Amino acid sequence: MRAGIVGVGFMSWIHYLAYQRSEQAELVAFCSRDPKKRAGDWRGIHGNFGPPGEQIDVSSMNVYEGLDSMLADESIDLIDICLPPALHPDAIGKCFAAGKKVLCEKPLALSARTAHALASQAAPGQLLVAHILPFMPEFQLLVDAANDGRWGKPIAGRFKRTISPPDWIPDFYDSKRVGGPLIDLHVHDAHLIRLLFGMPTAAHTVSRPLKGVPQFYESVFEFADSQLAVSAGGGVINSPARGFTHGYEVSFERATVQFEFAAYADGSTALIPLTIMHADGTVERPELGDGDPVSSFVAEINAAAESVDTGKHSPILDATIAADALTICEMQQ
């Protein structure tokens, strides 16, 4: 698969690193309005994980100032959209009109209504949405177990996701540009909940608002199956001291799985490694790889390449499920 990235920021940089490692996909183009970035100077890019941006070699890529020019490049199979969320729908529409397949970073849109409309307009396999969590080994295990039934059905779950102020994202709390913690942050767990438990029928949420959107939130979900017990909480703390925390405890009929990771500003971390507590009282802590977060993005890019090259579509990248995740977020507002 030959891909072109639109927009050069933190997620574009992480995707760029993943393309460099992928044996199934090649990054052949990108576009940016910034002449420095078009020249390969990505050194100003940073985020809450992974290495900072670097000077990259653009000599083997087609570099464009805008998406319209890049869409005319017939060598590109897929457009990888890493723009601010408010710009996703327009960019996706242009890709559809040009007959291009799309991998769009989450969230698919800023509203569930727009996201479902985009999903319904796409041809089969044309619109893929990059929800990374199920490609991370600690979370992939949950999805695999729910699919193959190794411990029975998932019956309960608690999910948490907290970050320090995301100063690298302009207008983070603007509901018309980025969406705030629920739409930009919690959508990860909403997507995972949708994959594991199906679609909630309602959510009961308490939150602390900031600039019109929840800064902190705690939610309990209802499902058609009244025996499910699922909750999620998180948001943004008012300190850079703890840059990132995520984790869960998910119970299946015959096992409970626990994981949590936190990173602090002083370089220290805290970890509850992935732990499987079986119903017979045994405890299992499987090995999960090298811990490099970029490896999960390589798996995500490879799944997109398989979809493009073979027509076999991963449900993890399914646009309708991504739109459902936004519906769940809207239940919590």
C-alpha atoms as a PDB file:
ATOM      1  CA  MET A   1       0.000   0.000   0.000  1.00  0.00           C
ATOM      2  CA  ARG A   2       1.229   3.480  -0.925  1.00  0.00           C
ATOM      3  CA  ALA A   3       0.016   6.218   1.431  1.00  0.00           C
ATOM      4  CA  GLY A   4       0.050   9.999   1.639  1.00  0.00           C
ATOM      5  CA  ILE A   5      -0.355  11.926   4.893  1.00  0.00           C
ATOM      6  CA  VAL A   6      -2.373  15.135   5.078  1.00  0.00           C
ATOM      7  CA  GLY A   7      -1.404  17.430   7.925  1.00  0.00           C
ATOM      8  CA  VAL A   8       1.910  17.391   9.791  1.00  0.00           C
ATOM      9  CA  GLY A   9       1.626  17.356  13.579  1.00  0.00           C
ATOM     10  CA  PHE A  10       2.087  14.975  16.488  1.00  0.00           C
ATOM     11  CA  MET A  11       0.006  12.092  15.105  1.00  0.00           C
ATOM     12  CA  SER A  12       1.497  12.546  11.637  1.00  0.00           C
ATOM     13  CA  TRP A  13       4.934  12.152  13.171  1.00  0.00           C
ATOM     14  CA  ILE A  14       3.950   8.928  14.965  1.00  0.00           C
ATOM     15  CA  HIS A  15       2.372   7.604  11.749  1.00  0.00           C
ATOM     16  CA  TYR A  16       5.552   8.557   9.865  1.00  0.00           C
ATOM     17  CA  LEU A  17       7.628   6.476  12.305  1.00  0.00           C
ATOM     18  CA  ALA A  18       5.225   3.553  11.853  1.00  0.00           C
ATOM     19  CA  TYR A  19       5.484   3.711   8.057  1.00  0.00           C
ATOM     20  CA  GLN A  20       9.278   3.555   8.328  1.00  0.00           C
ATOM     21  CA  ARG A  21       8.964   0.207  10.165  1.00  0.00           C
ATOM     22  CA  SER A  22       6.119  -1.286   8.161  1.00  0.00           C
ATOM     23  CA  GLU A  23       6.834  -3.972   5.580  1.00  0.00           C
ATOM     24  CA  GLN A  24       3.305  -3.706   4.146  1.00  0.00           C
ATOM     25  CA  ALA A  25       2.908   0.048   3.662  1.00  0.00           C
ATOM     26  CA  GLU A  26       5.041   2.818   2.202  1.00  0.00           C
ATOM     27  CA  LEU A  27       4.699   6.545   2.846  1.00  0.00           C
ATOM     28  CA  VAL A  28       5.164   8.138  -0.574  1.00  0.00           C
ATOM     29  CA  ALA A  29       3.723  11.634  -0.034  1.00  0.00           C
ATOM     30  CA  PHE A  30       2.525  14.232   2.428  1.00  0.00           C
ATOM     31  CA  CYS A  31       1.100  17.732   2.308  1.00  0.00           C
ATOM     32  CA  SER A  32       1.480  20.718   4.609  1.00  0.00           C
ATOM     33  CA  ARG A  33       0.908  24.447   4.366  1.00  0.00           C
ATOM     34  CA  ASP A  34       4.146  25.016   6.352  1.00  0.00           C
ATOM     35  CA  PRO A  35       7.173  25.405   4.036  1.00  0.00           C
ATOM     36  CA  LYS A  36       9.563  24.308   6.814  1.00  0.00           C
ATOM     37  CA  LYS A  37       7.658  21.056   7.270  1.00  0.00           C
ATOM     38  CA  ARG A  38       7.524  20.533   3.511  1.00  0.00           C
ATOM     39  CA  ALA A  39      11.325  20.801   3.600  1.00  0.00           C
ATOM     40  CA  GLY A  40      11.417  18.039   6.234  1.00  0.00           C
ATOM     41  CA  ASP A  41      11.857  20.136   9.382  1.00  0.00           C
ATOM     42  CA  TRP A  42       9.518  18.318  11.810  1.00  0.00           C
ATOM     43  CA  ARG A  43      11.649  19.186  14.853  1.00  0.00           C
ATOM     44  CA  GLY A  44       8.976  21.321  16.518  1.00  0.00           C
ATOM     45  CA  ILE A  45       6.589  18.392  16.940  1.00  0.00           C
ATOM     46  CA  HIS A  46       6.024  16.866  20.383  1.00  0.00           C
ATOM     47  CA  GLY A  47       3.277  15.094  22.304  1.00  0.00           C
ATOM     48  CA  ASN A  48       2.622  12.978  25.393  1.00  0.00           C
ATOM     49  CA  PHE A  49       4.488   9.862  24.227  1.00  0.00           C
ATOM     50  CA  GLY A  50       7.123   8.792  21.739  1.00  0.00           C
ATOM     51  CA  PRO A  51      10.203  10.698  20.575  1.00  0.00           C
ATOM     52  CA  PRO A  52      10.073  14.358  19.528  1.00  0.00           C
ATOM     53  CA  GLY A  53       9.997  15.253  15.851  1.00  0.00           C
ATOM     54  CA  GLU A  54      13.182  15.291  13.790  1.00  0.00           C
ATOM     55  CA  GLN A  55      14.514  16.504  10.474  1.00  0.00           C
ATOM     56  CA  ILE A  56      13.292  13.914   7.949  1.00  0.00           C
ATOM     57  CA  ASP A  57      14.498  13.032   4.483  1.00  0.00           C
ATOM     58  CA  VAL A  58      11.816  14.057   1.965  1.00  0.00           C
ATOM     59  CA  SER A  59      13.854  13.326  -1.170  1.00  0.00           C
ATOM     60  CA  SER A  60      11.982  10.106  -1.954  1.00  0.00           C
ATOM     61  CA  MET A  61       8.493  11.533  -1.314  1.00  0.00           C
ATOM     62  CA  ASN A  62       6.100  13.708  -3.278  1.00  0.00           C
ATOM     63  CA  VAL A  63       5.501  16.806  -1.177  1.00  0.00           C
ATOM     64  CA  TYR A  64       2.429  19.013  -1.671  1.00  0.00           C
ATOM     65  CA  GLU A  65       1.179  22.260  -0.224  1.00  0.00           C
ATOM     66  CA  GLY A  66      -2.446  21.121  -0.059  1.00  0.00           C
ATOM     67  CA  LEU A  67      -4.723  18.088  -0.148  1.00  0.00           C
ATOM     68  CA  ASP A  68      -6.232  18.959  -3.553  1.00  0.00           C
ATOM     69  CA  SER A  69      -2.834  18.626  -5.224  1.00  0.00           C
ATOM     70  CA  MET A  70      -2.026  15.397  -3.396  1.00  0.00           C
ATOM     71  CA  LEU A  71      -5.346  13.840  -4.416  1.00  0.00           C
ATOM     72  CA  ALA A  72      -4.294  14.158  -8.061  1.00  0.00           C
ATOM     73  CA  ASP A  73      -1.328  11.855  -7.365  1.00  0.00           C
ATOM     74  CA  GLU A  74      -2.404   8.556  -8.932  1.00  0.00           C
ATOM     75  CA  SER A  75       0.397   6.638  -7.201  1.00  0.00           C
ATOM     76  CA  ILE A  76      -1.326   7.011  -3.809  1.00  0.00           C
ATOM     77  CA  ASP A  77      -3.648   4.214  -2.660  1.00  0.00           C
ATOM     78  CA  LEU A  78      -4.714   5.690   0.673  1.00  0.00           C
ATOM     79  CA  ILE A  79      -4.886   9.134   2.258  1.00  0.00           C
ATOM     80  CA  ASP A  80      -3.869   9.135   5.933  1.00  0.00           C
ATOM     81  CA  ILE A  81      -5.713  12.045   7.554  1.00  0.00           C
ATOM     82  CA  CYS A  82      -3.950  13.519  10.595  1.00  0.00           C
ATOM     83  CA  LEU A  83      -5.622  16.923  10.631  1.00  0.00           C
ATOM     84  CA  PRO A  84      -7.387  18.613  13.570  1.00  0.00           C
ATOM     85  CA  PRO A  85     -10.746  16.855  14.109  1.00  0.00           C
ATOM     86  CA  ALA A  86     -12.844  19.761  12.834  1.00  0.00           C
ATOM     87  CA  LEU A  87     -11.217  19.366   9.414  1.00  0.00           C
ATOM     88  CA  HIS A  88     -11.820  15.614   9.083  1.00  0.00           C
ATOM     89  CA  PRO A  89     -15.261  15.673   7.374  1.00  0.00           C
ATOM     90  CA  ASP A  90     -14.246  18.074   4.596  1.00  0.00           C
ATOM     91  CA  ALA A  91     -10.996  16.198   3.911  1.00  0.00           C
ATOM     92  CA  ILE A  92     -12.813  12.852   3.864  1.00  0.00           C
ATOM     93  CA  GLY A  93     -15.386  14.229   1.439  1.00  0.00           C
ATOM     94  CA  LYS A  94     -12.643  15.370  -0.934  1.00  0.00           C
ATOM     95  CA  CYS A  95     -10.990  11.947  -0.743  1.00  0.00           C
ATOM     96  CA  PHE A  96     -14.288  10.227  -1.540  1.00  0.00           C
ATOM     97  CA  ALA A  97     -14.789  12.517  -4.546  1.00  0.00           C
ATOM     98  CA  ALA A  98     -11.291  11.618  -5.774  1.00  0.00           C
ATOM     99  CA  GLY A  99     -11.940   7.890  -5.336  1.00  0.00           C
ATOM    100  CA  LYS A 100      -9.283   7.511  -2.644  1.00  0.00           C
ATOM    101  CA  LYS A 101      -9.400   5.218   0.361  1.00  0.00           C
ATOM    102  CA  VAL A 102      -8.978   6.876   3.737  1.00  0.00           C
ATOM    103  CA  LEU A 103      -7.388   6.151   7.095  1.00  0.00           C
ATOM    104  CA  CYS A 104      -8.622   8.907   9.421  1.00  0.00           C
ATOM    105  CA  GLU A 105      -7.191   9.521  12.873  1.00  0.00           C
ATOM    106  CA  LYS A 106      -9.740   9.433  15.685  1.00  0.00           C
ATOM    107  CA  PRO A 107     -12.152  11.021  16.330  1.00  0.00           C
ATOM    108  CA  LEU A 108     -13.823  10.516  12.975  1.00  0.00           C
ATOM    109  CA  ALA A 109     -15.731  13.794  13.462  1.00  0.00           C
ATOM    110  CA  LEU A 110     -16.796  16.106  16.268  1.00  0.00           C
ATOM    111  CA  SER A 111     -20.385  14.811  16.287  1.00  0.00           C
ATOM    112  CA  ALA A 112     -21.856  11.348  16.045  1.00  0.00           C
ATOM    113  CA  ARG A 113     -24.352  12.540  13.436  1.00  0.00           C
ATOM    114  CA  THR A 114     -21.565  13.683  11.093  1.00  0.00           C
ATOM    115  CA  ALA A 115     -19.529  10.543  11.770  1.00  0.00           C
ATOM    116  CA  HIS A 116     -22.430   8.219  10.951  1.00  0.00           C
ATOM    117  CA  ALA A 117     -23.139  10.209   7.783  1.00  0.00           C
ATOM    118  CA  LEU A 118     -19.526   9.777   6.650  1.00  0.00           C
ATOM    119  CA  ALA A 119     -19.631   6.050   7.429  1.00  0.00           C
ATOM    120  CA  SER A 120     -22.835   5.618   5.422  1.00  0.00           C
ATOM    121  CA  GLN A 121     -21.406   7.483   2.407  1.00  0.00           C
ATOM    122  CA  ALA A 122     -18.288   5.317   2.181  1.00  0.00           C
ATOM    123  CA  ALA A 123     -17.978   2.349  -0.135  1.00  0.00           C
ATOM    124  CA  PRO A 124     -17.070  -0.929   1.639  1.00  0.00           C
ATOM    125  CA  GLY A 125     -13.565  -0.599   3.028  1.00  0.00           C
ATOM    126  CA  GLN A 126     -13.150   2.969   1.780  1.00  0.00           C
ATOM    127  CA  LEU A 127     -13.186   4.663   5.195  1.00  0.00           C
ATOM    128  CA  LEU A 128     -10.987   3.290   7.981  1.00  0.00           C
ATOM    129  CA  VAL A 129     -10.661   4.998  11.372  1.00  0.00           C
ATOM    130  CA  ALA A 130      -7.428   4.839  13.365  1.00  0.00           C
ATOM    131  CA  HIS A 131      -8.435   3.862  16.892  1.00  0.00           C
ATOM    132  CA  ILE A 132      -5.109   2.683  18.257  1.00  0.00           C
ATOM    133  CA  LEU A 133      -6.128   1.124  21.584  1.00  0.00           C
ATOM    134  CA  PRO A 134      -7.085  -2.363  20.285  1.00  0.00           C
ATOM    135  CA  PHE A 135      -3.693  -2.589  18.559  1.00  0.00           C
ATOM    136  CA  MET A 136      -1.861  -2.082  21.870  1.00  0.00           C
ATOM    137  CA  PRO A 137      -1.029  -5.522  23.332  1.00  0.00           C
ATOM    138  CA  GLU A 138      -2.538  -4.781  26.761  1.00  0.00           C
ATOM    139  CA  PHE A 139      -5.872  -3.886  25.152  1.00  0.00           C
ATOM    140  CA  GLN A 140      -5.713  -6.208  22.155  1.00  0.00           C
ATOM    141  CA  LEU A 141      -5.806  -9.141  24.571  1.00  0.00           C
ATOM    142  CA  LEU A 142      -9.250  -8.005  25.783  1.00  0.00           C
ATOM    143  CA  VAL A 143     -10.639  -7.770  22.245  1.00  0.00           C
ATOM    144  CA  ASP A 144      -9.167 -11.134  21.264  1.00  0.00           C
ATOM    145  CA  ALA A 145     -10.577 -12.781  24.399  1.00  0.00           C
ATOM    146  CA  ALA A 146     -14.033 -11.308  23.819  1.00  0.00           C
ATOM    147  CA  ASN A 147     -13.959 -12.583  20.234  1.00  0.00           C
ATOM    148  CA  ASP A 148     -12.710 -16.120  20.899  1.00  0.00           C
ATOM    149  CA  GLY A 149     -14.514 -16.682  24.218  1.00  0.00           C
ATOM    150  CA  ARG A 150     -11.462 -18.139  25.992  1.00  0.00           C
ATOM    151  CA  TRP A 151     -12.817 -16.959  29.391  1.00  0.00           C
ATOM    152  CA  GLY A 152     -16.469 -16.693  28.485  1.00  0.00           C
ATOM    153  CA  LYS A 153     -18.226 -13.397  27.864  1.00  0.00           C
ATOM    154  CA  PRO A 154     -17.050 -10.025  29.242  1.00  0.00           C
ATOM    155  CA  ILE A 155     -19.436  -9.099  32.063  1.00  0.00           C
ATOM    156  CA  ALA A 156     -17.937  -6.002  33.748  1.00  0.00           C
ATOM    157  CA  GLY A 157     -15.335  -3.314  33.202  1.00  0.00           C
ATOM    158  CA  ARG A 158     -13.826  -0.175  34.731  1.00  0.00           C
ATOM    159  CA  PHE A 159     -11.773   2.082  32.483  1.00  0.00           C
ATOM    160  CA  LYS A 160      -9.652   5.156  33.297  1.00  0.00           C
ATOM    161  CA  ARG A 161      -7.775   7.667  31.162  1.00  0.00           C
ATOM    162  CA  THR A 162      -6.210  10.887  32.485  1.00  0.00           C
ATOM    163  CA  ILE A 163      -3.711  13.363  31.029  1.00  0.00           C
ATOM    164  CA  SER A 164      -1.971  16.550  32.071  1.00  0.00           C
ATOM    165  CA  PRO A 165      -2.942  19.777  30.252  1.00  0.00           C
ATOM    166  CA  PRO A 166      -2.466  19.043  26.518  1.00  0.00           C
ATOM    167  CA  ASP A 167      -0.712  22.307  25.730  1.00  0.00           C
ATOM    168  CA  TRP A 168       0.453  20.972  22.341  1.00  0.00           C
ATOM    169  CA  ILE A 169      -3.187  20.887  21.118  1.00  0.00           C
ATOM    170  CA  PRO A 170      -4.542  24.376  20.366  1.00  0.00           C
ATOM    171  CA  ASP A 171      -8.204  24.882  21.312  1.00  0.00           C
ATOM    172  CA  PHE A 172      -8.380  21.516  23.096  1.00  0.00           C
ATOM    173  CA  TYR A 173     -11.527  22.545  24.979  1.00  0.00           C
ATOM    174  CA  ASP A 174     -13.218  24.099  21.951  1.00  0.00           C
ATOM    175  CA  SER A 175     -16.206  21.879  21.137  1.00  0.00           C
ATOM    176  CA  LYS A 176     -16.184  23.079  17.519  1.00  0.00           C
ATOM    177  CA  ARG A 177     -12.486  22.404  16.866  1.00  0.00           C
ATOM    178  CA  VAL A 178     -11.145  19.568  19.051  1.00  0.00           C
ATOM    179  CA  GLY A 179     -13.956  18.575  21.405  1.00  0.00           C
ATOM    180  CA  GLY A 180     -12.326  18.384  24.827  1.00  0.00           C
ATOM    181  CA  PRO A 181     -11.563  15.349  27.001  1.00  0.00           C
ATOM    182  CA  LEU A 182     -14.608  13.248  26.131  1.00  0.00           C
ATOM    183  CA  ILE A 183     -14.318  13.552  22.354  1.00  0.00           C
ATOM    184  CA  ASP A 184     -10.519  13.619  22.076  1.00  0.00           C
ATOM    185  CA  LEU A 185      -9.503  11.414  25.032  1.00  0.00           C
ATOM    186  CA  HIS A 186     -12.340   9.227  26.296  1.00  0.00           C
ATOM    187  CA  VAL A 187     -13.312   8.246  22.745  1.00  0.00           C
ATOM    188  CA  HIS A 188     -10.516   5.641  23.024  1.00  0.00           C
ATOM    189  CA  ASP A 189     -12.298   3.868  25.873  1.00  0.00           C
ATOM    190  CA  ALA A 190     -15.733   4.423  24.334  1.00  0.00           C
ATOM    191  CA  HIS A 191     -14.528   2.600  21.221  1.00  0.00           C
ATOM    192  CA  LEU A 192     -13.122  -0.244  23.332  1.00  0.00           C
ATOM    193  CA  ILE A 193     -16.346  -0.498  25.350  1.00  0.00           C
ATOM    194  CA  ARG A 194     -18.310  -0.713  22.087  1.00  0.00           C
ATOM    195  CA  LEU A 195     -16.050  -3.554  20.849  1.00  0.00           C
ATOM    196  CA  LEU A 196     -16.192  -5.520  24.111  1.00  0.00           C
ATOM    197  CA  PHE A 197     -19.739  -5.030  25.383  1.00  0.00           C
ATOM    198  CA  GLY A 198     -21.788  -3.799  22.436  1.00  0.00           C
ATOM    199  CA  MET A 199     -23.673  -0.503  22.284  1.00  0.00           C
ATOM    200  CA  PRO A 200     -24.830   1.088  25.555  1.00  0.00           C
ATOM    201  CA  THR A 201     -28.426   2.264  25.736  1.00  0.00           C
ATOM    202  CA  ALA A 202     -27.699   5.098  28.190  1.00  0.00           C
ATOM    203  CA  ALA A 203     -24.994   6.671  30.343  1.00  0.00           C
ATOM    204  CA  HIS A 204     -25.188   8.318  33.769  1.00  0.00           C
ATOM    205  CA  THR A 205     -22.395  10.891  34.116  1.00  0.00           C
ATOM    206  CA  VAL A 206     -21.146  13.376  36.676  1.00  0.00           C
ATOM    207  CA  SER A 207     -18.547  15.872  35.496  1.00  0.00           C
ATOM    208  CA  ARG A 208     -16.648  19.059  36.277  1.00  0.00           C
ATOM    209  CA  PRO A 209     -17.034  21.440  33.328  1.00  0.00           C
ATOM    210  CA  LEU A 210     -14.391  23.726  31.854  1.00  0.00           C
ATOM    211  CA  LYS A 211     -15.117  26.048  28.950  1.00  0.00           C
ATOM    212  CA  GLY A 212     -18.420  24.329  28.333  1.00  0.00           C
ATOM    213  CA  VAL A 213     -17.180  20.731  28.136  1.00  0.00           C
ATOM    214  CA  PRO A 214     -16.393  18.156  30.861  1.00  0.00           C
ATOM    215  CA  GLN A 215     -12.843  18.439  32.202  1.00  0.00           C
ATOM    216  CA  PHE A 216     -13.321  15.462  34.556  1.00  0.00           C
ATOM    217  CA  TYR A 217     -15.996  12.801  34.114  1.00  0.00           C
ATOM    218  CA  GLU A 218     -17.228   9.594  35.738  1.00  0.00           C
ATOM    219  CA  SER A 219     -19.814   7.545  33.866  1.00  0.00           C
ATOM    220  CA  VAL A 220     -21.800   4.362  34.407  1.00  0.00           C
ATOM    221  CA  PHE A 221     -23.349   2.738  31.335  1.00  0.00           C
ATOM    222  CA  GLU A 222     -26.583   0.853  30.787  1.00  0.00           C
ATOM    223  CA  PHE A 223     -26.965  -1.940  28.235  1.00  0.00           C
ATOM    224  CA  ALA A 224     -29.842  -4.001  26.916  1.00  0.00           C
ATOM    225  CA  ASP A 225     -28.222  -6.811  28.911  1.00  0.00           C
ATOM    226  CA  SER A 226     -28.892  -5.532  32.428  1.00  0.00           C
ATOM    227  CA  GLN A 227     -26.275  -7.917  33.876  1.00  0.00           C
ATOM    228  CA  LEU A 228     -23.372  -5.878  32.459  1.00  0.00           C
ATOM    229  CA  ALA A 229     -21.581  -3.478  34.838  1.00  0.00           C
ATOM    230  CA  VAL A 230     -19.385  -1.006  32.960  1.00  0.00           C
ATOM    231  CA  SER A 231     -17.972   2.388  33.980  1.00  0.00           C
ATOM    232  CA  ALA A 232     -15.325   4.855  32.799  1.00  0.00           C
ATOM    233  CA  GLY A 233     -13.661   7.935  34.213  1.00  0.00           C
ATOM    234  CA  GLY A 234     -10.867  10.396  33.566  1.00  0.00           C
ATOM    235  CA  GLY A 235     -10.126  13.769  32.049  1.00  0.00           C
ATOM    236  CA  VAL A 236      -7.424  16.407  32.490  1.00  0.00           C
ATOM    237  CA  ILE A 237      -5.653  17.188  35.783  1.00  0.00           C
ATOM    238  CA  ASN A 238      -4.459  20.733  36.449  1.00  0.00           C
ATOM    239  CA  SER A 239      -0.775  19.829  36.586  1.00  0.00           C
ATOM    240  CA  PRO A 240       1.940  18.613  34.234  1.00  0.00           C
ATOM    241  CA  ALA A 241       3.208  16.329  37.020  1.00  0.00           C
ATOM    242  CA  ARG A 242       1.446  13.233  35.673  1.00  0.00           C
ATOM    243  CA  GLY A 243       1.500  13.368  31.918  1.00  0.00           C
ATOM    244  CA  PHE A 244      -0.560  10.296  31.241  1.00  0.00           C
ATOM    245  CA  THR A 245      -2.449   7.480  32.941  1.00  0.00           C
ATOM    246  CA  HIS A 246      -4.576   4.739  31.483  1.00  0.00           C
ATOM    247  CA  GLY A 247      -5.821   1.392  32.657  1.00  0.00           C
ATOM    248  CA  TYR A 248      -8.698  -0.973  33.236  1.00  0.00           C
ATOM    249  CA  GLU A 249     -10.070  -3.922  35.141  1.00  0.00           C
ATOM    250  CA  VAL A 250     -12.284  -6.126  32.968  1.00  0.00           C
ATOM    251  CA  SER A 251     -14.071  -9.239  34.200  1.00  0.00           C
ATOM    252  CA  PHE A 252     -15.028 -12.149  31.991  1.00  0.00           C
ATOM    253  CA  GLU A 253     -17.110 -15.085  33.186  1.00  0.00           C
ATOM    254  CA  ARG A 254     -13.990 -17.079  34.103  1.00  0.00           C
ATOM    255  CA  ALA A 255     -11.215 -14.494  34.517  1.00  0.00           C
ATOM    256  CA  THR A 256     -10.518 -10.874  35.432  1.00  0.00           C
ATOM    257  CA  VAL A 257      -7.834  -8.881  33.614  1.00  0.00           C
ATOM    258  CA  GLN A 258      -6.094  -5.842  35.124  1.00  0.00           C
ATOM    259  CA  PHE A 259      -3.660  -3.282  33.706  1.00  0.00           C
ATOM    260  CA  GLU A 260      -2.584   0.281  34.514  1.00  0.00           C
ATOM    261  CA  PHE A 261       0.264   2.551  33.463  1.00  0.00           C
ATOM    262  CA  ALA A 262       1.198   6.086  34.557  1.00  0.00           C
ATOM    263  CA  ALA A 263       4.006   8.407  33.443  1.00  0.00           C
ATOM    264  CA  TYR A 264       5.223  11.347  35.552  1.00  0.00           C
ATOM    265  CA  ALA A 265       7.040  14.570  34.722  1.00  0.00           C
ATOM    266  CA  ASP A 266      10.183  13.524  36.598  1.00  0.00           C
ATOM    267  CA  GLY A 267      10.684  10.612  34.217  1.00  0.00           C
ATOM    268  CA  SER A 268       9.348   7.981  36.614  1.00  0.00           C
ATOM    269  CA  THR A 269       6.528   5.574  35.824  1.00  0.00           C
ATOM    270  CA  ALA A 270       4.128   3.332  37.700  1.00  0.00           C
ATOM    271  CA  LEU A 271       2.853   0.048  36.327  1.00  0.00           C
ATOM    272  CA  ILE A 272       0.388  -2.675  37.165  1.00  0.00           C
ATOM    273  CA  PRO A 273       1.469  -5.140  34.482  1.00  0.00           C
ATOM    274  CA  LEU A 274      -1.201  -6.968  32.571  1.00  0.00           C
ATOM    275  CA  THR A 275      -2.428  -9.544  35.067  1.00  0.00           C
ATOM    276  CA  ILE A 276      -4.948 -12.317  34.432  1.00  0.00           C
ATOM    277  CA  MET A 277      -6.715 -13.594  37.548  1.00  0.00           C
ATOM    278  CA  HIS A 278      -8.335 -16.904  36.630  1.00  0.00           C
ATOM    279  CA  ALA A 279     -11.439 -18.245  38.349  1.00  0.00           C
ATOM    280  CA  ASP A 280      -9.438 -21.185  39.730  1.00  0.00           C
ATOM    281  CA  GLY A 281      -7.225 -18.783  41.706  1.00  0.00           C
ATOM    282  CA  THR A 282      -4.184 -18.884  39.443  1.00  0.00           C
ATOM    283  CA  VAL A 283      -2.474 -15.681  38.316  1.00  0.00           C
ATOM    284  CA  GLU A 284      -0.911 -15.154  34.885  1.00  0.00           C
ATOM    285  CA  ARG A 285       1.277 -12.274  33.677  1.00  0.00           C
ATOM    286  CA  PRO A 286       1.954 -12.792  29.959  1.00  0.00           C
ATOM    287  CA  GLU A 287       4.875 -11.204  28.132  1.00  0.00           C
ATOM    288  CA  LEU A 288       3.648  -8.567  25.687  1.00  0.00           C
ATOM    289  CA  GLY A 289       6.576  -7.406  23.592  1.00  0.00           C
ATOM    290  CA  ASP A 290       9.085  -4.582  23.796  1.00  0.00           C
ATOM    291  CA  GLY A 291       6.792  -1.870  25.183  1.00  0.00           C
ATOM    292  CA  ASP A 292       7.543   0.534  22.319  1.00  0.00           C
ATOM    293  CA  PRO A 293       4.286   2.462  21.666  1.00  0.00           C
ATOM    294  CA  VAL A 294       5.153   2.967  17.994  1.00  0.00           C
ATOM    295  CA  SER A 295       4.913  -0.816  17.472  1.00  0.00           C
ATOM    296  CA  SER A 296       1.138  -0.605  17.955  1.00  0.00           C
ATOM    297  CA  PHE A 297       0.910   2.027  15.239  1.00  0.00           C
ATOM    298  CA  VAL A 298       2.869  -0.263  12.915  1.00  0.00           C
ATOM    299  CA  ALA A 299       0.206  -2.931  13.530  1.00  0.00           C
ATOM    300  CA  GLU A 300      -2.514  -0.356  12.813  1.00  0.00           C
ATOM    301  CA  ILE A 301      -0.872   0.758   9.561  1.00  0.00           C
ATOM    302  CA  ASN A 302      -0.421  -2.891   8.550  1.00  0.00           C
ATOM    303  CA  ALA A 303      -4.120  -3.579   9.185  1.00  0.00           C
ATOM    304  CA  ALA A 304      -5.000  -0.650   6.930  1.00  0.00           C
ATOM    305  CA  ALA A 305      -2.629  -1.967   4.267  1.00  0.00           C
ATOM    306  CA  GLU A 306      -4.235  -5.413   4.434  1.00  0.00           C
ATOM    307  CA  SER A 307      -7.642  -3.799   3.951  1.00  0.00           C
ATOM    308  CA  VAL A 308      -6.439  -1.896   0.893  1.00  0.00           C
ATOM    309  CA  ASP A 309      -4.432  -4.744  -0.614  1.00  0.00           C
ATOM    310  CA  THR A 310      -6.741  -7.711   0.047  1.00  0.00           C
ATOM    311  CA  GLY A 311     -10.181  -6.316   0.820  1.00  0.00           C
ATOM    312  CA  LYS A 312     -10.152  -7.974   4.264  1.00  0.00           C
ATOM    313  CA  HIS A 313     -11.358  -5.289   6.661  1.00  0.00           C
ATOM    314  CA  SER A 314     -10.522  -5.275  10.360  1.00  0.00           C
ATOM    315  CA  PRO A 315     -13.588  -4.469  12.517  1.00  0.00           C
ATOM    316  CA  ILE A 316     -11.237  -2.434  14.704  1.00  0.00           C
ATOM    317  CA  LEU A 317     -10.919   0.095  11.857  1.00  0.00           C
ATOM    318  CA  ASP A 318     -14.648   0.023  11.016  1.00  0.00           C
ATOM    319  CA  ALA A 319     -16.091   3.506  10.508  1.00  0.00           C
ATOM    320  CA  THR A 320     -19.549   2.664  11.885  1.00  0.00           C
ATOM    321  CA  ILE A 321     -18.067   1.404  15.157  1.00  0.00           C
ATOM    322  CA  ALA A 322     -15.960   4.576  15.324  1.00  0.00           C
ATOM    323  CA  ALA A 323     -19.147   6.617  14.864  1.00  0.00           C
ATOM    324  CA  ASP A 324     -20.816   4.572  17.615  1.00  0.00           C
ATOM    325  CA  ALA A 325     -17.943   5.546  19.929  1.00  0.00           C
ATOM    326  CA  LEU A 326     -18.840   9.197  19.382  1.00  0.00           C
ATOM    327  CA  THR A 327     -22.482   8.412  20.135  1.00  0.00           C
ATOM    328  CA  ILE A 328     -21.325   6.951  23.463  1.00  0.00           C
ATOM    329  CA  CYS A 329     -19.324  10.119  24.202  1.00  0.00           C
ATOM    330  CA  GLU A 330     -22.394  12.242  23.477  1.00  0.00           C
ATOM    331  CA  MET A 331     -24.425  10.120  25.911  1.00  0.00           C
ATOM    332  CA  GLN A 332     -21.998  11.298  28.605  1.00  0.00           C
ATOM    333  CA  GLN A 333     -22.256  15.035  27.978  1.00  0.00           C
END
